[in-house]
Amino acid sequence: MLDKAVVDLSHWDEVDSFEDAKDDGVVGIIHKATESNNYFDPTYNQRKNDALAAGLLWGAYHFLRPGDMKDQAQYFVSKVGQNLDLYAADHEDEGVSLEDLKTFLGEVKRLTGKSPVIYSGHVLKEQLGDRRDSELSQYRLWLAQYTSGAPSWPKATFPKWWLWQYTEHGECDGIPGDSEGNLDLNKYTGTKQQLIDEWSEEVPPKPAPRAKRRGRVPKRKKPKAKAGGARRKRANRN
């Protein structure tokens, strides 16, 4: 298990060196980009450039607030672009329902062709309970639960978590954290290469529906070519 697989950041956190963080075992960064439909993190763009230059994976998250979910999804994607490897929905506000969450996820998927990650802790647990939600089960879970023991999560919907934010008091070379020294670290159960391979999850295109055959169509007889006549060219079929 990788204990410093991913560090999630926002403008509250200080960053000294992404190169040092990579040397300390960090594989990827997921950074706050937007909140609601009117806030964009001022440190996002520069840190994205610096992290990618250091050879780290990059992802962005949106902090969901009550309101128009499609509008928030469109705002999020307009700020971070349609070509990111990883998008995430930060579901911590109790005023955001599961239906709201699903609307946001679906709109991001439609706009980007990528299946976003769900970040949540007790809010998702309380809203889901023990029941299974087949729509949410299509997404990966980034679990937030600060404990030194085994975490709990809605297993009926998510058989396993993808990332686990297990502490807010982590330590990492090159990233001091916030003004009080707090830093969120995330575990991953697998190898570095596996995480790299799983970082970007594209939504497979839906196959075009086949036309139903309603019976055998009798073959048409080919007209006999006239002697000395030129052959007709067949049109290209798209």
Protein backbone atom coordinates (compact mmCIF):
# COMPACT_ATOMS: atom_id res chain seq x y z
CA MET A 1 0.00 0.00 0.00
CA LEU A 2 1.25 3.48 -0.89
CA ASP A 3 0.81 5.80 2.12
CA LYS A 4 1.64 9.02 0.26
CA ALA A 5 0.20 8.07 -3.09
CA VAL A 6 -1.78 11.28 -3.48
CA VAL A 7 -1.78 14.69 -1.78
CA ASP A 8 -4.81 16.90 -2.21
CA LEU A 9 -4.22 20.62 -2.00
CA SER A 10 -5.88 24.00 -2.11
CA HIS A 11 -4.72 27.59 -1.72
CA TRP A 12 -4.69 27.04 2.06
CA ASP A 13 -1.66 24.75 1.67
CA GLU A 14 1.90 25.83 1.13
CA VAL A 15 4.08 24.11 -1.46
CA ASP A 16 7.87 24.42 -1.52
CA SER A 17 8.91 21.73 -3.99
CA PHE A 18 6.91 19.20 -5.98
CA GLU A 19 10.20 17.52 -6.89
CA ASP A 20 10.90 16.82 -3.21
CA ALA A 21 7.36 15.50 -2.79
CA LYS A 22 7.85 13.08 -5.67
CA ASP A 23 11.13 11.88 -4.18
CA ASP A 24 9.25 11.27 -0.92
CA GLY A 25 6.84 8.88 -2.63
CA VAL A 26 4.02 11.09 -3.90
CA VAL A 27 2.62 9.94 -7.25
CA GLY A 28 -0.19 12.41 -7.90
CA ILE A 29 -1.76 15.71 -6.85
CA ILE A 30 -5.49 16.43 -6.80
CA HIS A 31 -5.99 20.17 -6.39
CA LYS A 32 -9.07 22.22 -5.61
CA ALA A 33 -10.11 24.16 -8.67
CA THR A 34 -13.61 25.50 -8.12
CA GLU A 35 -16.46 25.86 -5.63
CA SER A 36 -20.12 26.50 -6.38
CA ASN A 37 -20.29 28.48 -9.63
CA ASN A 38 -18.26 31.54 -8.73
CA TYR A 39 -14.94 30.59 -7.11
CA PHE A 40 -11.69 29.54 -8.77
CA ASP A 41 -8.62 28.71 -6.67
CA PRO A 42 -5.96 31.33 -7.55
CA THR A 43 -3.07 28.88 -7.02
CA TYR A 44 -4.46 26.18 -9.34
CA ASN A 45 -2.89 27.02 -12.70
CA GLN A 46 0.66 27.67 -11.51
CA ARG A 47 0.71 24.58 -9.32
CA LYS A 48 -0.60 22.47 -12.17
CA ASN A 49 2.32 23.57 -14.34
CA ASP A 50 4.83 22.99 -11.53
CA ALA A 51 3.49 19.55 -10.59
CA LEU A 52 3.42 18.30 -14.17
CA ALA A 53 6.95 19.62 -14.71
CA ALA A 54 8.04 17.56 -11.69
CA GLY A 55 6.57 14.43 -13.26
CA LEU A 56 3.54 14.08 -10.99
CA LEU A 57 0.03 13.04 -12.00
CA TRP A 58 -2.53 15.85 -11.86
CA GLY A 59 -6.24 16.02 -11.11
CA ALA A 60 -8.78 18.67 -10.13
CA TYR A 61 -11.75 18.70 -7.78
CA HIS A 62 -14.87 20.83 -7.45
CA PHE A 63 -16.41 21.57 -4.05
CA LEU A 64 -20.15 21.06 -4.48
CA ARG A 65 -22.57 23.58 -2.99
CA PRO A 66 -26.38 23.58 -3.13
CA GLY A 67 -27.61 25.03 -6.40
CA ASP A 68 -27.76 24.21 -10.09
CA MET A 69 -25.57 21.14 -10.52
CA LYS A 70 -25.30 21.34 -14.30
CA ASP A 71 -24.26 24.96 -13.99
CA GLN A 72 -21.57 24.03 -11.45
CA ALA A 73 -20.30 21.20 -13.63
CA GLN A 74 -20.06 23.49 -16.63
CA TYR A 75 -18.26 26.13 -14.57
CA PHE A 76 -15.81 23.53 -13.25
CA VAL A 77 -14.97 22.16 -16.69
CA SER A 78 -14.73 25.65 -18.19
CA LYS A 79 -12.00 26.48 -15.66
CA VAL A 80 -9.95 23.26 -15.74
CA GLY A 81 -10.48 22.21 -19.36
CA GLN A 82 -11.77 19.09 -21.07
CA ASN A 83 -8.46 17.25 -21.33
CA LEU A 84 -7.58 16.50 -17.70
CA ASP A 85 -6.78 12.94 -16.73
CA LEU A 86 -8.79 13.08 -13.49
CA TYR A 87 -11.85 15.02 -12.32
CA ALA A 88 -13.32 14.73 -8.82
CA ALA A 89 -16.47 15.86 -7.03
CA ASP A 90 -16.00 16.95 -3.41
CA HIS A 91 -19.27 15.92 -1.74
CA GLU A 92 -19.13 17.33 1.80
CA ASP A 93 -22.05 19.74 1.97
CA GLU A 94 -25.13 18.09 3.51
CA GLY A 95 -27.31 20.41 1.46
CA VAL A 96 -26.25 18.58 -1.70
CA SER A 97 -28.41 15.49 -2.25
CA LEU A 98 -27.45 12.24 -3.93
CA GLU A 99 -29.55 13.25 -6.93
CA ASP A 100 -27.62 16.52 -7.08
CA LEU A 101 -24.36 14.60 -6.95
CA LYS A 102 -25.44 12.28 -9.75
CA THR A 103 -26.50 15.22 -11.90
CA PHE A 104 -23.08 16.85 -11.44
CA LEU A 105 -21.19 13.63 -12.18
CA GLY A 106 -23.24 12.94 -15.28
CA GLU A 107 -22.72 16.42 -16.66
CA VAL A 108 -18.93 16.29 -16.13
CA LYS A 109 -18.89 12.89 -17.83
CA ARG A 110 -20.88 14.26 -20.75
CA LEU A 111 -18.59 17.27 -21.15
CA THR A 112 -15.25 15.50 -20.78
CA GLY A 113 -15.71 11.84 -21.65
CA LYS A 114 -14.17 10.99 -18.28
CA SER A 115 -15.80 9.31 -15.30
CA PRO A 116 -15.21 11.56 -12.25
CA VAL A 117 -14.16 10.35 -8.80
CA ILE A 118 -16.44 10.86 -5.78
CA TYR A 119 -14.72 12.31 -2.70
CA SER A 120 -16.78 12.05 0.48
CA GLY A 121 -16.94 10.72 4.02
CA HIS A 122 -19.79 10.80 6.52
CA VAL A 123 -22.14 12.73 4.21
CA LEU A 124 -22.15 9.99 1.61
CA LYS A 125 -22.42 7.29 4.28
CA GLU A 126 -25.44 8.94 5.86
CA GLN A 127 -27.17 9.60 2.57
CA LEU A 128 -26.60 6.12 1.15
CA GLY A 129 -26.82 3.98 4.26
CA ASP A 130 -26.76 0.26 3.48
CA ARG A 131 -28.61 0.45 0.20
CA ARG A 132 -27.09 0.03 -3.22
CA ASP A 133 -27.20 2.81 -5.79
CA SER A 134 -26.46 1.30 -9.19
CA GLU A 135 -25.75 4.68 -10.79
CA LEU A 136 -23.22 5.81 -8.19
CA SER A 137 -21.57 2.37 -8.26
CA GLN A 138 -20.24 3.24 -11.72
CA TYR A 139 -17.87 5.78 -10.14
CA ARG A 140 -14.72 5.35 -8.07
CA LEU A 141 -14.79 6.24 -4.39
CA TRP A 142 -12.23 8.52 -2.80
CA LEU A 143 -13.01 7.91 0.85
CA ALA A 144 -12.39 10.48 3.59
CA GLN A 145 -12.07 8.99 7.06
CA TYR A 146 -9.37 9.93 9.54
CA THR A 147 -8.52 6.81 11.51
CA SER A 148 -5.56 4.59 12.25
CA GLY A 149 -7.84 1.56 12.09
CA ALA A 150 -9.85 0.08 9.26
CA PRO A 151 -12.19 2.53 7.49
CA SER A 152 -15.88 2.05 6.81
CA TRP A 153 -17.78 3.00 3.68
CA PRO A 154 -21.01 2.17 1.78
CA LYS A 155 -19.92 -1.27 0.54
CA ALA A 156 -23.27 -2.09 -1.08
CA THR A 157 -22.59 0.67 -3.62
CA PHE A 158 -18.78 0.67 -3.61
CA PRO A 159 -17.26 -2.80 -3.04
CA LYS A 160 -13.91 -1.09 -2.44
CA TRP A 161 -12.47 2.38 -2.18
CA TRP A 162 -10.04 3.68 -4.78
CA LEU A 163 -8.23 6.28 -2.65
CA TRP A 164 -8.47 6.69 1.10
CA GLN A 165 -7.76 10.02 2.79
CA TYR A 166 -6.73 8.61 6.14
CA THR A 167 -5.16 11.63 7.85
CA GLU A 168 -5.17 15.41 7.87
CA HIS A 169 -1.95 15.53 9.88
CA GLY A 170 0.38 14.01 7.31
CA GLU A 171 3.98 14.94 6.62
CA CYS A 172 5.54 15.15 3.19
CA ASP A 173 8.82 16.56 1.94
CA GLY A 174 8.32 19.70 -0.13
CA ILE A 175 4.73 20.29 0.99
CA PRO A 176 4.43 21.82 4.51
CA GLY A 177 0.63 21.96 4.39
CA ASP A 178 -1.52 24.74 5.82
CA SER A 179 -0.54 27.40 8.34
CA GLU A 180 -0.98 24.90 11.20
CA GLY A 181 1.05 22.19 9.49
CA ASN A 182 -1.97 20.08 8.52
CA LEU A 183 -1.75 18.07 5.31
CA ASP A 184 -4.19 15.55 3.81
CA LEU A 185 -2.55 12.30 2.69
CA ASN A 186 -4.17 9.49 0.74
CA LYS A 187 -3.49 5.76 0.55
CA TYR A 188 -3.69 3.55 -2.51
CA THR A 189 -3.74 -0.25 -2.40
CA GLY A 190 -1.47 -1.12 -5.29
CA THR A 191 1.78 -0.24 -6.99
CA LYS A 192 2.88 3.08 -8.39
CA GLN A 193 2.45 1.77 -11.93
CA GLN A 194 -1.05 0.55 -11.19
CA LEU A 195 -2.03 3.97 -9.90
CA ILE A 196 -0.57 5.60 -13.01
CA ASP A 197 -2.53 3.20 -15.21
CA GLU A 198 -5.78 3.84 -13.32
CA TRP A 199 -5.44 7.60 -12.98
CA SER A 200 -7.28 8.41 -16.18
CA GLU A 201 -10.57 6.59 -16.63
CA GLU A 202 -12.23 7.36 -19.91
CA VAL A 203 -15.85 6.52 -20.51
CA PRO A 204 -16.06 3.91 -23.29
CA PRO A 205 -18.17 5.09 -26.20
CA LYS A 206 -21.55 3.45 -26.54
CA PRO A 207 -21.79 1.19 -29.60
CA ALA A 208 -24.27 2.28 -32.22
CA PRO A 209 -27.48 0.24 -32.01
CA ARG A 210 -27.86 -2.36 -34.70
CA ALA A 211 -30.83 -2.04 -36.99
CA LYS A 212 -33.36 -4.79 -36.41
CA ARG A 213 -33.89 -7.13 -39.28
CA ARG A 214 -37.58 -7.62 -39.87
CA GLY A 215 -37.37 -10.43 -42.38
CA ARG A 216 -35.40 -11.51 -45.38
CA VAL A 217 -35.22 -9.03 -48.20
CA PRO A 218 -35.38 -10.68 -51.59
CA LYS A 219 -32.33 -10.10 -53.74
CA ARG A 220 -32.77 -7.83 -56.68
CA LYS A 221 -31.74 -9.11 -60.02
CA LYS A 222 -28.81 -7.26 -61.50
CA PRO A 223 -29.60 -5.62 -64.82
CA LYS A 224 -27.60 -6.99 -67.69
CA ALA A 225 -24.87 -4.65 -68.88
CA LYS A 226 -25.28 -3.36 -72.38
CA ALA A 227 -22.61 -4.36 -74.78
CA GLY A 228 -19.84 -1.81 -74.95
CA GLY A 229 -21.36 0.21 -72.12
CA ALA A 230 -19.24 1.75 -69.35
CA ARG A 231 -19.55 0.34 -65.76
CA ARG A 232 -21.16 2.64 -63.22
CA LYS A 233 -18.94 3.65 -60.26
CA ARG A 234 -20.18 2.64 -56.82
CA ALA A 235 -20.61 5.52 -54.38
CA ASN A 236 -18.36 5.52 -51.27
CA ARG A 237 -20.17 4.39 -48.18
CA ASN A 238 -19.38 6.33 -45.02
